[in-house]
Amino acid sequence: MNTSARSRPAPSALGTRSRRNAHDIAIVGAGMVGATLALKLARGGFDVAVVEPRPPPSWRGDDDVDLRVVALAPSSVRLLDDVGAWPAIAAARACAYRRMYVWDALAPGSLGFDSADDGIDALGWIVENKLVQDRLWQALDAAGIALHCPARAVATRIDGDRRLLELEDGASVAARLVVAADGGESPLRDQVGIATRDRDYGQRAIVAHVVTEQAHESTAWQRFLPGATVAFLPLQDGRCSIVWSVPEHDAARLLALDDAAFCAELGAAFDFRLGRIVSTTPRAAFPLRLRLAERYLAPSFALVGDAAHVVHPLAGQGVNLGLRDAAELADALVTARAAGRDFAATASLRRYERRRRSDNALSATAFDAIQRVFGSEAMPLAALRGAGLALVDAITPLKRAFARHAAGR
């Protein structure tokens, strides 16, 4: 089997372990959610295979901070710690944020959270996607998991009491249960006939890292603007990672600006909360959409992560929802096997589907409603939402309930 053409070699265990083609569970996709699930299941005693088209690029400390970052909730950090990946992530480059501040451009009223109010060290951690994936990949290599990489699953079908994955190179992998963690465009989800409900927001999220005149104060900042939102997330090196969600036509214009003009517009959009924007890295952008799978299960098959749900990034919860999928599915499988039940049977997986589909749908609907309400320019609505922010901020039990939900508690 050939190694990846990318900059890093495939794990040393690839050669022998990947020839075994019958497993308890096969996971398609080794992104954050798929890799974490594989590690959790392997630690639970399952024989696990992972199919992945390409290994992630290596993370090096002298590289610039990856443009794509994730805000990991405490529940996600606990899961990553449980599978042995978090210590290596935290020792490399992770920035705790202890406060969060949200306000509206059109109305008075704001909402602030502080980890000290709830007796915890941090509300979450800002970490580079590339770093998390690199450390998870290293953990996969050490966990005795059969890694089929580079390999692409092109078809799946039931074969007796197993589900068969057919790979692009003609090989196959059989497992009692196949889990699709292959992203929002999941080919496997489509092949087993699981439909989705979709909404294109007509927006793009512009990402960059910026230097601000004032310190970020270990705070995650978010401002709602008419038809847009802008978030500043603290980085360990003192810069902020920005996520500026704007309509498509504005995105094209902003991406075409020179750095000085972009910094000036960004500073104004952020109300110069941290002073002037001094400099910016090159920018990138990605489209925003809502996508929810109508079910999470098929015979000997389950969805997790973006294959099951893609949500608006304004609350930074997409990866956290996916990691909660991984934790819930692993728990369901371990529980079923411990009780002597067929862990791959649909009946054994119903609890996972019921709990996660309900939570994900509720979260996605809430994010969608926030995007609609706070994106409106109607002044009566702006006044109501400003009052709503102030009300939540003033009612301690309600504010703590919001914070605990965001933290996965």
Protein backbone atom coordinates (compact mmCIF):
# COMPACT_ATOMS: atom_id res chain seq x y z
CA MET A 1 0.00 0.00 0.00
CA ASN A 2 1.43 3.36 -0.94
CA THR A 3 2.00 6.11 1.57
CA SER A 4 0.39 9.52 1.22
CA ALA A 5 1.91 12.07 -1.15
CA ARG A 6 1.58 14.65 1.62
CA SER A 7 4.47 15.92 3.71
CA ARG A 8 4.19 13.30 6.43
CA PRO A 9 4.51 9.51 6.11
CA ALA A 10 1.63 7.25 6.96
CA PRO A 11 1.93 5.59 10.42
CA SER A 12 4.39 2.75 10.72
CA ALA A 13 1.63 0.28 11.56
CA LEU A 14 -0.13 0.84 8.24
CA GLY A 15 1.44 -2.06 6.36
CA THR A 16 0.36 -5.09 8.37
CA ARG A 17 -2.70 -3.97 10.28
CA SER A 18 -4.51 -2.58 7.23
CA ARG A 19 -4.53 -6.01 5.57
CA ARG A 20 -6.99 -7.29 8.15
CA ASN A 21 -10.36 -6.66 6.56
CA ALA A 22 -12.86 -7.87 9.18
CA HIS A 23 -13.49 -5.68 12.23
CA ASP A 24 -16.04 -4.84 14.87
CA ILE A 25 -16.35 -1.24 13.67
CA ALA A 26 -15.07 0.62 10.61
CA ILE A 27 -15.02 4.42 10.70
CA VAL A 28 -14.82 6.33 7.43
CA GLY A 29 -13.09 9.65 8.03
CA ALA A 30 -10.23 10.45 10.44
CA GLY A 31 -11.02 14.08 11.12
CA MET A 32 -11.45 15.26 14.70
CA VAL A 33 -14.72 13.42 15.29
CA GLY A 34 -13.88 10.18 13.46
CA ALA A 35 -10.42 9.86 15.02
CA THR A 36 -11.71 10.62 18.53
CA LEU A 37 -14.46 8.03 18.15
CA ALA A 38 -11.94 5.45 16.93
CA LEU A 39 -9.72 6.04 19.96
CA LYS A 40 -12.64 5.92 22.37
CA LEU A 41 -13.86 2.61 20.92
CA ALA A 42 -10.40 1.07 20.83
CA ARG A 43 -9.98 1.92 24.51
CA GLY A 44 -13.34 0.23 25.07
CA GLY A 45 -12.01 -3.03 23.64
CA PHE A 46 -13.42 -2.89 20.11
CA ASP A 47 -11.47 -3.95 17.02
CA VAL A 48 -11.56 -0.71 15.01
CA ALA A 49 -10.56 0.18 11.46
CA VAL A 50 -10.30 3.70 10.05
CA VAL A 51 -10.52 4.54 6.34
CA GLU A 52 -9.08 7.92 5.37
CA PRO A 53 -8.11 9.35 1.95
CA ARG A 54 -5.05 11.22 3.24
CA PRO A 55 -3.15 11.76 6.48
CA PRO A 56 -3.27 15.27 7.92
CA PRO A 57 -0.29 17.58 7.44
CA SER A 58 2.19 17.54 10.29
CA TRP A 59 1.92 20.32 12.86
CA ARG A 60 5.15 22.07 13.80
CA GLY A 61 5.58 24.64 16.52
CA ASP A 62 7.51 27.01 14.28
CA ASP A 63 4.68 27.10 11.71
CA ASP A 64 2.34 30.08 11.79
CA VAL A 65 -0.96 29.47 13.53
CA ASP A 66 -3.39 27.59 11.28
CA LEU A 67 -6.16 29.84 9.93
CA ARG A 68 -8.80 27.27 10.91
CA VAL A 69 -9.24 27.15 14.68
CA VAL A 70 -11.84 25.53 16.88
CA ALA A 71 -13.30 26.64 20.21
CA LEU A 72 -13.26 23.46 22.29
CA ALA A 73 -15.78 23.29 25.11
CA PRO A 74 -14.78 21.70 28.44
CA SER A 75 -16.81 18.58 27.52
CA SER A 76 -14.74 18.21 24.34
CA VAL A 77 -11.49 18.67 26.24
CA ARG A 78 -12.54 15.97 28.73
CA LEU A 79 -13.21 13.58 25.84
CA LEU A 80 -9.87 14.36 24.18
CA ASP A 81 -8.17 13.86 27.53
CA ASP A 82 -9.97 10.54 27.98
CA VAL A 83 -8.60 9.24 24.67
CA GLY A 84 -5.09 10.45 25.51
CA ALA A 85 -4.79 13.31 23.02
CA TRP A 86 -5.35 16.45 25.10
CA PRO A 87 -2.05 16.57 27.04
CA ALA A 88 -0.09 16.67 23.78
CA ILE A 89 -2.43 19.35 22.39
CA ALA A 90 -2.27 21.53 25.51
CA ALA A 91 1.53 21.21 25.69
CA ALA A 92 1.85 22.44 22.10
CA ARG A 93 -0.36 25.50 21.60
CA ALA A 94 -3.79 26.08 23.10
CA CYS A 95 -5.31 29.29 24.45
CA ALA A 96 -7.86 29.18 27.25
CA TYR A 97 -10.57 31.80 27.12
CA ARG A 98 -12.05 32.73 30.46
CA ARG A 99 -14.63 35.28 29.41
CA MET A 100 -17.11 35.78 26.60
CA TYR A 101 -18.75 39.06 25.62
CA VAL A 102 -21.60 39.47 23.13
CA TRP A 103 -23.25 42.70 22.00
CA ASP A 104 -25.45 44.15 19.27
CA ALA A 105 -24.53 46.94 16.85
CA LEU A 106 -28.07 48.34 16.66
CA ALA A 107 -29.24 48.33 20.26
CA PRO A 108 -27.93 48.70 23.81
CA GLY A 109 -27.64 45.56 25.89
CA SER A 110 -24.90 42.98 26.14
CA LEU A 111 -24.23 39.55 27.56
CA GLY A 112 -21.06 38.52 29.34
CA PHE A 113 -19.83 35.22 30.78
CA ASP A 114 -16.91 34.68 33.14
CA SER A 115 -15.57 31.24 34.06
CA ALA A 116 -14.99 32.44 37.63
CA ASP A 117 -18.74 32.90 38.06
CA ASP A 118 -19.21 29.16 37.59
CA GLY A 119 -16.12 28.08 39.51
CA ILE A 120 -14.25 26.70 36.48
CA ASP A 121 -10.84 27.52 35.04
CA ALA A 122 -11.98 28.33 31.50
CA LEU A 123 -15.06 28.56 29.31
CA GLY A 124 -13.13 26.80 26.53
CA TRP A 125 -9.90 26.62 24.57
CA ILE A 126 -9.01 27.99 21.14
CA VAL A 127 -6.93 25.40 19.28
CA GLU A 128 -5.80 25.03 15.68
CA ASN A 129 -7.64 22.36 13.69
CA LYS A 130 -4.31 21.22 12.27
CA LEU A 131 -2.82 20.68 15.74
CA VAL A 132 -5.79 18.66 17.02
CA GLN A 133 -5.79 16.47 13.91
CA ASP A 134 -2.02 15.92 14.11
CA ARG A 135 -2.12 14.79 17.75
CA LEU A 136 -5.13 12.55 17.15
CA TRP A 137 -3.37 10.96 14.19
CA GLN A 138 -0.35 10.19 16.36
CA ALA A 139 -2.65 8.65 18.97
CA LEU A 140 -4.32 6.47 16.31
CA ASP A 141 -0.94 5.06 15.36
CA ALA A 142 -0.20 4.16 18.98
CA ALA A 143 -3.61 2.60 19.70
CA GLY A 144 -3.42 -0.53 17.51
CA ILE A 145 -6.12 0.72 15.15
CA ALA A 146 -6.13 -0.63 11.58
CA LEU A 147 -5.44 2.43 9.42
CA HIS A 148 -6.38 2.19 5.76
CA CYS A 149 -4.68 5.29 4.36
CA PRO A 150 -4.54 6.51 1.69
CA ALA A 151 -7.84 4.81 0.92
CA ARG A 152 -11.23 6.03 -0.21
CA ALA A 153 -14.52 4.23 0.41
CA VAL A 154 -16.53 4.33 -2.81
CA ALA A 155 -19.44 2.00 -2.00
CA THR A 156 -21.06 0.13 0.88
CA ARG A 157 -23.46 -2.80 1.07
CA ILE A 158 -24.72 -5.41 3.50
CA ASP A 159 -22.86 -8.73 3.25
CA GLY A 160 -24.43 -11.32 5.56
CA ASP A 161 -24.13 -10.10 9.15
CA ARG A 162 -21.61 -7.43 8.21
CA ARG A 163 -21.45 -4.27 6.19
CA LEU A 164 -18.87 -4.16 3.44
CA LEU A 165 -16.90 -1.08 2.42
CA GLU A 166 -15.51 -1.19 -1.09
CA LEU A 167 -12.38 0.90 -1.53
CA GLU A 168 -11.25 2.80 -4.60
CA ASP A 169 -8.23 0.52 -5.11
CA GLY A 170 -10.42 -2.61 -5.27
CA ALA A 171 -9.80 -3.74 -1.69
CA SER A 172 -12.63 -4.08 0.83
CA VAL A 173 -13.18 -3.73 4.57
CA ALA A 174 -15.90 -5.59 6.44
CA ALA A 175 -17.28 -4.61 9.85
CA ARG A 176 -20.26 -5.31 12.07
CA LEU A 177 -20.90 -1.55 12.08
CA VAL A 178 -19.80 1.19 9.70
CA VAL A 179 -19.72 4.78 10.98
CA ALA A 180 -19.65 7.65 8.50
CA ALA A 181 -17.56 10.55 9.76
CA ASP A 182 -16.79 11.68 6.23
CA GLY A 183 -17.97 15.29 6.39
CA GLY A 184 -20.90 17.43 5.35
CA GLU A 185 -20.91 16.10 1.79
CA SER A 186 -20.81 12.48 3.06
CA PRO A 187 -20.95 10.12 0.04
CA LEU A 188 -21.79 7.19 2.33
CA ARG A 189 -24.78 9.01 3.82
CA ASP A 190 -26.16 9.46 0.32
CA GLN A 191 -25.45 5.85 -0.64
CA VAL A 192 -27.49 4.39 2.22
CA GLY A 193 -30.39 6.72 1.37
CA ILE A 194 -30.35 9.14 4.29
CA ALA A 195 -31.81 12.47 3.17
CA THR A 196 -30.91 15.90 4.56
CA ARG A 197 -32.66 19.21 5.14
CA ASP A 198 -30.54 22.06 3.81
CA ARG A 199 -30.38 25.83 3.93
CA ASP A 200 -27.81 27.99 2.19
CA TYR A 201 -27.24 31.13 4.26
CA GLY A 202 -25.88 33.06 1.29
CA GLN A 203 -22.94 34.03 3.47
CA ARG A 204 -19.23 33.33 3.70
CA ALA A 205 -17.12 33.26 6.84
CA ILE A 206 -13.90 35.22 6.40
CA VAL A 207 -11.08 33.96 8.63
CA ALA A 208 -7.72 35.55 9.45
CA HIS A 209 -5.44 36.27 12.40
CA VAL A 210 -5.04 39.89 13.40
CA VAL A 211 -2.92 42.00 15.71
CA THR A 212 -4.99 44.44 17.76
CA GLU A 213 -3.90 47.60 19.52
CA GLN A 214 -5.13 46.29 22.87
CA ALA A 215 -4.80 42.84 24.50
CA HIS A 216 -7.57 40.31 23.91
CA GLU A 217 -7.98 39.74 27.69
CA SER A 218 -8.44 35.96 27.24
CA THR A 219 -11.94 36.82 26.02
CA ALA A 220 -13.99 35.53 23.12
CA TRP A 221 -15.79 38.53 21.63
CA GLN A 222 -18.79 38.53 19.31
CA ARG A 223 -20.73 41.42 17.80
CA PHE A 224 -23.96 41.13 15.84
CA LEU A 225 -24.33 43.49 12.87
CA PRO A 226 -27.11 43.88 10.30
CA GLY A 227 -26.83 40.76 8.15
CA ALA A 228 -23.46 39.78 9.65
CA THR A 229 -21.57 38.70 12.75
CA VAL A 230 -17.94 39.17 13.73
CA ALA A 231 -16.09 37.13 16.34
CA PHE A 232 -12.62 37.70 17.78
CA LEU A 233 -11.11 34.61 19.43
CA PRO A 234 -7.96 34.84 21.58
CA LEU A 235 -4.77 33.11 20.43
CA GLN A 236 -1.86 32.08 22.61
CA ASP A 237 0.56 34.42 20.83
CA GLY A 238 -1.56 37.47 21.70
CA ARG A 239 -3.26 37.81 18.33
CA CYS A 240 -6.96 37.21 17.66
CA SER A 241 -8.45 34.76 15.21
CA ILE A 242 -11.41 36.43 13.49
CA VAL A 243 -14.50 34.85 11.97
CA TRP A 244 -16.45 37.50 10.02
CA SER A 245 -19.66 36.09 8.56
CA VAL A 246 -21.01 38.34 5.81
CA PRO A 247 -23.23 38.09 2.71
CA GLU A 248 -21.56 36.62 -0.38
CA HIS A 249 -21.21 39.96 -2.20
CA ASP A 250 -19.60 41.60 0.84
CA ALA A 251 -17.21 38.68 1.21
CA ALA A 252 -15.94 39.08 -2.34
CA ARG A 253 -15.39 42.81 -1.78
CA LEU A 254 -13.66 42.36 1.60
CA LEU A 255 -11.37 39.63 0.30
CA ALA A 256 -10.27 41.93 -2.54
CA LEU A 257 -9.25 44.80 -0.22
CA ASP A 258 -5.63 45.47 0.60
CA ASP A 259 -4.58 44.78 4.19
CA ALA A 260 -4.87 48.38 5.40
CA ALA A 261 -8.40 48.82 4.04
CA PHE A 262 -9.48 45.43 5.37
CA CYS A 263 -8.14 46.23 8.84
CA ALA A 264 -9.98 49.56 8.83
CA GLU A 265 -13.32 47.95 7.89
CA LEU A 266 -12.83 45.12 10.36
CA GLY A 267 -12.04 47.57 13.15
CA ALA A 268 -15.22 49.53 12.43
CA ALA A 269 -17.31 46.33 12.31
CA PHE A 270 -15.89 45.35 15.69
CA ASP A 271 -16.52 48.86 17.08
CA PHE A 272 -12.77 49.15 17.77
CA ARG A 273 -13.39 47.18 20.97
CA LEU A 274 -9.69 46.27 21.11
CA GLY A 275 -8.47 49.47 19.50
CA ARG A 276 -7.15 49.60 15.94
CA ILE A 277 -6.52 46.46 13.92
CA VAL A 278 -2.76 46.79 13.42
CA SER A 279 -2.18 43.99 10.90
CA THR A 280 -3.69 40.87 9.39
CA THR A 281 -2.55 37.58 7.90
CA PRO A 282 -3.76 36.56 4.43
CA ARG A 283 -7.50 35.85 4.51
CA ALA A 284 -9.57 32.84 3.54
CA ALA A 285 -13.33 32.27 3.36
CA PHE A 286 -15.77 29.37 3.32
CA PRO A 287 -19.52 29.16 2.59
CA LEU A 288 -22.09 28.85 5.37
CA ARG A 289 -25.02 26.47 5.32
CA LEU A 290 -27.33 24.46 7.52
CA ARG A 291 -27.61 20.73 6.86
CA LEU A 292 -29.39 18.20 9.08
CA ALA A 293 -29.67 14.48 8.35
CA GLU A 294 -33.26 13.25 8.69
CA ARG A 295 -32.02 10.12 10.48
CA TYR A 296 -28.69 8.93 11.83
CA LEU A 297 -29.04 5.18 11.32
CA ALA A 298 -29.33 2.57 8.58
CA PRO A 299 -28.72 -1.20 8.88
CA SER A 300 -25.26 -1.66 10.48
CA PHE A 301 -24.58 2.01 9.80
CA ALA A 302 -24.46 5.29 11.77
CA LEU A 303 -23.64 8.96 11.14
CA VAL A 304 -21.55 11.25 13.34
CA GLY A 305 -20.23 14.81 13.12
CA ASP A 306 -20.68 16.87 9.98
CA ALA A 307 -22.07 13.85 8.14
CA ALA A 308 -25.07 14.18 10.49
CA HIS A 309 -25.23 17.96 10.98
CA VAL A 310 -23.65 21.16 9.70
CA VAL A 311 -24.58 24.30 11.64
CA HIS A 312 -23.93 28.04 11.50
CA PRO A 313 -20.55 28.87 13.11
CA LEU A 314 -21.77 31.87 15.10
CA ALA A 315 -21.77 29.94 18.38
CA GLY A 316 -18.62 27.96 17.58
CA GLN A 317 -20.33 24.69 18.46
CA GLY A 318 -20.00 22.57 15.30
CA VAL A 319 -17.03 20.45 16.39
CA ASN A 320 -18.30 20.26 19.97
CA LEU A 321 -21.60 18.82 18.77
CA GLY A 322 -19.69 16.26 16.71
CA LEU A 323 -17.51 15.25 19.64
CA ARG A 324 -20.63 14.80 21.75
CA ASP A 325 -21.88 12.46 19.00
CA ALA A 326 -18.67 10.45 19.36
CA ALA A 327 -18.99 10.21 23.15
CA GLU A 328 -22.67 9.20 23.00
CA LEU A 329 -22.18 6.61 20.26
CA ALA A 330 -19.20 5.03 22.02
CA ASP A 331 -21.21 4.85 25.24
CA ALA A 332 -24.14 3.19 23.44
CA LEU A 333 -21.89 0.59 21.82
CA VAL A 334 -20.01 -0.25 25.04
CA THR A 335 -23.27 -0.49 26.99
CA ALA A 336 -24.89 -2.78 24.43
CA ARG A 337 -21.94 -5.15 24.33
CA ALA A 338 -21.66 -5.24 28.13
CA ALA A 339 -25.35 -6.21 28.30
CA GLY A 340 -24.78 -9.06 25.81
CA ARG A 341 -26.73 -7.38 23.02
CA ASP A 342 -25.73 -7.04 19.38
CA PHE A 343 -23.99 -3.67 19.49
CA ALA A 344 -24.48 -3.17 15.72
CA ALA A 345 -28.25 -3.75 15.81
CA THR A 346 -30.45 -0.75 15.14
CA ALA A 347 -32.25 -1.34 18.45
CA SER A 348 -28.94 -0.93 20.30
CA LEU A 349 -28.27 2.39 18.54
CA ARG A 350 -31.68 4.00 18.95
CA ARG A 351 -30.70 5.77 22.17
CA TYR A 352 -27.72 7.36 20.40
CA GLU A 353 -29.90 8.54 17.51
CA ARG A 354 -32.67 9.83 19.75
CA ARG A 355 -30.41 11.80 22.07
CA ARG A 356 -28.00 13.23 19.54
CA ARG A 357 -30.49 13.98 16.80
CA SER A 358 -32.67 15.84 19.30
CA ASP A 359 -29.79 17.85 20.78
CA ASN A 360 -28.24 18.63 17.40
CA ALA A 361 -31.56 19.68 15.87
CA LEU A 362 -32.36 21.88 18.87
CA SER A 363 -28.92 23.49 18.75
CA ALA A 364 -29.03 23.99 14.98
CA THR A 365 -32.52 25.51 15.18
CA ALA A 366 -31.40 27.84 17.97
CA PHE A 367 -28.32 28.97 16.00
CA ASP A 368 -30.49 29.47 12.92
CA ALA A 369 -33.02 31.54 14.88
CA ILE A 370 -30.25 33.68 16.40
CA GLN A 371 -28.80 34.26 12.93
CA ARG A 372 -32.20 35.35 11.60
CA VAL A 373 -33.17 37.53 14.55
CA PHE A 374 -29.81 39.22 15.09
CA GLY A 375 -29.24 39.64 11.36
CA SER A 376 -32.36 41.76 10.97
CA GLU A 377 -32.08 45.54 10.50
CA ALA A 378 -35.63 46.18 11.78
CA MET A 379 -35.29 48.61 14.68
CA PRO A 380 -38.20 47.25 16.77
CA LEU A 381 -36.62 43.80 16.58
CA ALA A 382 -33.19 45.28 17.34
CA ALA A 383 -34.58 46.91 20.47
CA LEU A 384 -36.12 43.62 21.61
CA ARG A 385 -32.96 41.62 21.10
CA GLY A 386 -30.85 44.23 22.90
CA ALA A 387 -33.27 44.03 25.81
CA GLY A 388 -33.10 40.24 25.61
CA LEU A 389 -29.32 40.22 25.93
CA ALA A 390 -29.52 42.54 28.91
CA LEU A 391 -32.25 40.40 30.52
CA VAL A 392 -30.28 37.18 30.21
CA ASP A 393 -27.19 38.94 31.53
CA ALA A 394 -29.15 40.12 34.58
CA ILE A 395 -30.72 36.76 35.48
CA THR A 396 -27.91 34.68 36.96
CA PRO A 397 -29.55 31.21 36.79
CA LEU A 398 -30.52 31.75 33.15
CA LYS A 399 -27.09 33.04 32.23
CA ARG A 400 -25.45 30.06 33.90
CA ALA A 401 -27.77 27.70 32.04
CA PHE A 402 -26.61 29.21 28.73
CA ALA A 403 -22.96 28.87 29.80
CA ARG A 404 -23.38 25.26 30.94
CA HIS A 405 -25.05 24.26 27.67
CA ALA A 406 -22.27 25.82 25.63
CA ALA A 407 -19.73 23.98 27.79
CA GLY A 408 -21.47 20.65 27.21
CA ARG A 409 -22.46 20.35 30.86
